[in-house]
């Protein structure tokens, strides 16, 4: 299966038997990101977390105070 990275537009080949290939075939809303872009985003996110200015917005601050 040929896939295209959503960030750098490189085209890669995936085996048809991989779970990722099945997920991309059956659910078109899922997107593919190549390993280099994934590692770059991971590294940048980790460096932002280490600065202390990075906040996760998964819950509201009001709910966090209640816990």
C-alpha atoms as a PDB file:
ATOM      1  CA  UNK A   1       0.000   0.000   0.000  1.00  0.00           C
ATOM      2  CA  UNK A   2       1.359   3.397  -0.955  1.00  0.00           C
ATOM      3  CA  UNK A   3       0.943   6.102   1.671  1.00  0.00           C
ATOM      4  CA  UNK A   4       1.798   9.796   1.717  1.00  0.00           C
ATOM      5  CA  UNK A   5       2.986  11.727   4.760  1.00  0.00           C
ATOM      6  CA  UNK A   6       0.658  14.602   5.653  1.00  0.00           C
ATOM      7  CA  UNK A   7       3.531  16.889   6.643  1.00  0.00           C
ATOM      8  CA  UNK A   8       6.413  16.370   4.211  1.00  0.00           C
ATOM      9  CA  UNK A   9       4.488  14.712   1.315  1.00  0.00           C
ATOM     10  CA  UNK A  10       6.930  11.825   0.960  1.00  0.00           C
ATOM     11  CA  UNK A  11       5.501   8.621  -0.447  1.00  0.00           C
ATOM     12  CA  UNK A  12       6.278   5.385   1.390  1.00  0.00           C
ATOM     13  CA  UNK A  13       5.324   1.755   0.923  1.00  0.00           C
ATOM     14  CA  UNK A  14       3.523  -0.198   3.682  1.00  0.00           C
ATOM     15  CA  UNK A  15       2.832  -3.919   3.724  1.00  0.00           C
ATOM     16  CA  UNK A  16      -0.851  -4.679   3.216  1.00  0.00           C
ATOM     17  CA  UNK A  17      -0.872  -6.962   6.276  1.00  0.00           C
ATOM     18  CA  UNK A  18       0.182  -4.327   8.814  1.00  0.00           C
ATOM     19  CA  UNK A  19      -2.429  -3.067  11.288  1.00  0.00           C
ATOM     20  CA  UNK A  20      -1.612   0.531  10.283  1.00  0.00           C
ATOM     21  CA  UNK A  21      -2.393  -0.220   6.642  1.00  0.00           C
ATOM     22  CA  UNK A  22      -5.718  -1.760   7.623  1.00  0.00           C
ATOM     23  CA  UNK A  23      -6.570   1.257   9.770  1.00  0.00           C
ATOM     24  CA  UNK A  24      -5.769   3.654   6.940  1.00  0.00           C
ATOM     25  CA  UNK A  25      -7.833   1.625   4.454  1.00  0.00           C
ATOM     26  CA  UNK A  26     -10.911   1.222   6.601  1.00  0.00           C
ATOM     27  CA  UNK A  27     -11.011   4.635   8.268  1.00  0.00           C
ATOM     28  CA  UNK A  28     -10.153   7.420   5.828  1.00  0.00           C
ATOM     29  CA  UNK A  29     -10.088  10.085   8.551  1.00  0.00           C
ATOM     30  CA  UNK A  30      -6.843   8.594   9.944  1.00  0.00           C
ATOM     31  CA  UNK A  31      -3.710  10.057   8.383  1.00  0.00           C
ATOM     32  CA  UNK A  32      -0.186   8.742   7.889  1.00  0.00           C
ATOM     33  CA  UNK A  33       2.940  10.444   9.231  1.00  0.00           C
ATOM     34  CA  UNK A  34       6.420   9.195   8.282  1.00  0.00           C
ATOM     35  CA  UNK A  35       8.927   8.211  10.961  1.00  0.00           C
ATOM     36  CA  UNK A  36      11.173  11.253  10.448  1.00  0.00           C
ATOM     37  CA  UNK A  37       8.288  13.704  10.908  1.00  0.00           C
ATOM     38  CA  UNK A  38       6.982  11.746  13.895  1.00  0.00           C
ATOM     39  CA  UNK A  39      10.398  11.778  15.575  1.00  0.00           C
ATOM     40  CA  UNK A  40      10.890  15.488  14.831  1.00  0.00           C
ATOM     41  CA  UNK A  41       7.522  16.408  16.366  1.00  0.00           C
ATOM     42  CA  UNK A  42       8.215  14.169  19.365  1.00  0.00           C
ATOM     43  CA  UNK A  43      11.606  15.792  19.939  1.00  0.00           C
ATOM     44  CA  UNK A  44      10.184  19.329  19.659  1.00  0.00           C
ATOM     45  CA  UNK A  45       7.326  18.500  22.024  1.00  0.00           C
ATOM     46  CA  UNK A  46       9.691  17.022  24.604  1.00  0.00           C
ATOM     47  CA  UNK A  47      11.887  20.133  24.469  1.00  0.00           C
ATOM     48  CA  UNK A  48       8.799  22.340  24.981  1.00  0.00           C
ATOM     49  CA  UNK A  49       7.703  20.222  27.966  1.00  0.00           C
ATOM     50  CA  UNK A  50      11.157  20.580  29.538  1.00  0.00           C
ATOM     51  CA  UNK A  51      10.938  24.385  29.421  1.00  0.00           C
ATOM     52  CA  UNK A  52       7.949  24.315  31.761  1.00  0.00           C
ATOM     53  CA  UNK A  53       5.812  26.557  29.544  1.00  0.00           C
ATOM     54  CA  UNK A  54       3.926  23.675  27.975  1.00  0.00           C
ATOM     55  CA  UNK A  55       0.423  22.901  29.254  1.00  0.00           C
ATOM     56  CA  UNK A  56      -1.847  20.002  28.437  1.00  0.00           C
ATOM     57  CA  UNK A  57      -5.379  21.209  27.730  1.00  0.00           C
ATOM     58  CA  UNK A  58      -7.150  17.905  28.196  1.00  0.00           C
ATOM     59  CA  UNK A  59      -9.389  19.096  31.038  1.00  0.00           C
ATOM     60  CA  UNK A  60     -10.513  22.513  32.140  1.00  0.00           C
ATOM     61  CA  UNK A  61      -8.577  24.263  34.938  1.00  0.00           C
ATOM     62  CA  UNK A  62     -11.799  24.460  36.963  1.00  0.00           C
ATOM     63  CA  UNK A  63     -12.120  20.663  36.924  1.00  0.00           C
ATOM     64  CA  UNK A  64      -8.454  20.314  37.909  1.00  0.00           C
ATOM     65  CA  UNK A  65      -9.031  22.447  41.032  1.00  0.00           C
ATOM     66  CA  UNK A  66     -11.888  20.198  42.138  1.00  0.00           C
ATOM     67  CA  UNK A  67      -9.620  17.164  42.204  1.00  0.00           C
END
